[in-house]
Amino acid sequence: MQALKNNLTSEVFWLRLVFMLLSLLLVEIAASILVLLVIAQFLYRLFNESSHLTILEFSNSLGRFILHSYRFLSYQTEDKPFPFNDWPEAQDTPKAED
């Protein structure tokens, strides 16, 4: 019962809720953008023999942003995602020919 009372009166607890709601909104927008990137990459690949490198890199970093956001939302980390930290860089991106 003491934890409930402490949390209800804690400014940090309610401030995290604000960050969580904003992160949830941004991750939903990012997921919609990722769907568009998947479609764009598919269409590009339909007419070309390789993937579009810019789409590969941006979708990779967008996926890392979504992962970081979900980790923050599920209390796995206290590190806030973008825009409160740097945008994640793409890692292990396959080459355009893959």
Protein backbone atom coordinates (compact mmCIF):
# COMPACT_ATOMS: atom_id res chain seq x y z
CA MET A 1 0.00 0.00 0.00
CA GLN A 2 2.94 2.30 0.67
CA ALA A 3 4.23 1.85 -2.90
CA LEU A 4 0.86 2.97 -4.27
CA LYS A 5 0.89 6.06 -2.08
CA ASN A 6 4.50 6.86 -3.05
CA ASN A 7 3.77 6.42 -6.77
CA LEU A 8 0.58 8.51 -6.67
CA THR A 9 2.47 11.40 -5.10
CA SER A 10 5.68 11.02 -7.12
CA GLU A 11 6.36 13.64 -9.76
CA VAL A 12 8.88 11.31 -11.44
CA PHE A 13 6.25 8.58 -11.76
CA TRP A 14 3.75 10.88 -13.54
CA LEU A 15 6.44 12.51 -15.68
CA ARG A 16 7.41 9.06 -16.95
CA LEU A 17 3.76 8.54 -17.93
CA VAL A 18 3.94 11.69 -20.09
CA PHE A 19 7.12 10.39 -21.76
CA MET A 20 5.48 7.01 -22.26
CA LEU A 21 2.40 8.47 -23.92
CA LEU A 22 4.51 10.57 -26.24
CA SER A 23 6.72 7.57 -27.04
CA LEU A 24 3.66 5.44 -27.74
CA LEU A 25 2.34 8.04 -30.17
CA LEU A 26 5.70 8.29 -31.95
CA VAL A 27 6.13 4.52 -32.19
CA GLU A 28 2.70 4.18 -33.79
CA ILE A 29 3.65 6.80 -36.38
CA ALA A 30 6.99 5.06 -36.93
CA ALA A 31 5.27 1.70 -37.43
CA SER A 32 3.05 3.24 -40.11
CA ILE A 33 6.09 4.72 -41.84
CA LEU A 34 7.81 1.34 -41.67
CA VAL A 35 4.86 -0.26 -43.48
CA LEU A 36 5.22 2.35 -46.24
CA LEU A 37 8.95 1.63 -46.45
CA VAL A 38 8.27 -2.09 -46.77
CA ILE A 39 5.90 -1.43 -49.66
CA ALA A 40 8.35 0.99 -51.30
CA GLN A 41 11.22 -1.48 -50.97
CA PHE A 42 9.08 -4.27 -52.42
CA LEU A 43 8.09 -2.13 -55.41
CA TYR A 44 11.67 -0.98 -55.95
CA ARG A 45 12.88 -4.57 -55.79
CA LEU A 46 10.15 -5.61 -58.24
CA PHE A 47 11.69 -3.41 -60.94
CA ASN A 48 15.37 -3.71 -59.98
CA GLU A 49 17.77 -6.50 -59.18
CA SER A 50 18.83 -5.06 -55.83
CA SER A 51 17.33 -3.30 -52.84
CA HIS A 52 17.38 0.46 -52.41
CA LEU A 53 20.25 1.22 -50.01
CA THR A 54 18.70 4.37 -48.52
CA ILE A 55 15.46 2.54 -47.72
CA LEU A 56 17.47 -0.33 -46.20
CA GLU A 57 19.42 1.98 -43.92
CA PHE A 58 16.47 4.13 -42.86
CA SER A 59 14.17 1.16 -42.21
CA ASN A 60 16.97 -0.41 -40.14
CA SER A 61 17.36 2.69 -37.97
CA LEU A 62 13.57 3.09 -37.76
CA GLY A 63 13.26 -0.49 -36.55
CA ARG A 64 15.92 0.20 -33.91
CA PHE A 65 13.94 3.27 -32.81
CA ILE A 66 10.79 1.16 -32.49
CA LEU A 67 12.68 -1.47 -30.47
CA HIS A 68 14.17 1.15 -28.16
CA SER A 69 10.73 2.72 -27.71
CA TYR A 70 9.12 -0.60 -26.80
CA ARG A 71 11.94 -1.33 -24.35
CA PHE A 72 11.27 2.04 -22.69
CA LEU A 73 7.50 1.49 -22.69
CA SER A 74 7.84 -1.95 -21.09
CA TYR A 75 10.17 -0.68 -18.32
CA GLN A 76 13.18 -2.63 -19.64
CA THR A 77 15.19 0.60 -19.73
CA GLU A 78 14.96 4.08 -18.29
CA ASP A 79 16.73 5.56 -21.33
CA LYS A 80 14.20 7.60 -23.24
CA PRO A 81 14.02 7.07 -27.01
CA PHE A 82 14.28 9.76 -29.69
CA PRO A 83 13.53 12.73 -29.52
CA PHE A 84 14.92 12.71 -25.98
CA ASN A 85 18.08 10.89 -27.11
CA ASP A 86 19.92 10.60 -30.42
CA TRP A 87 18.30 8.89 -33.39
CA PRO A 88 19.61 5.30 -33.59
CA GLU A 89 22.04 4.57 -36.39
CA ALA A 90 21.54 1.64 -38.74
CA GLN A 91 23.53 -1.46 -37.79
CA ASP A 92 24.31 -4.62 -39.71
CA THR A 93 22.51 -3.33 -42.80
CA PRO A 94 22.75 -5.80 -45.69
CA LYS A 95 24.31 -4.63 -48.91
CA ALA A 96 21.95 -3.42 -51.63
CA GLU A 97 22.69 -6.51 -53.74
CA ASP A 98 21.36 -8.89 -51.04
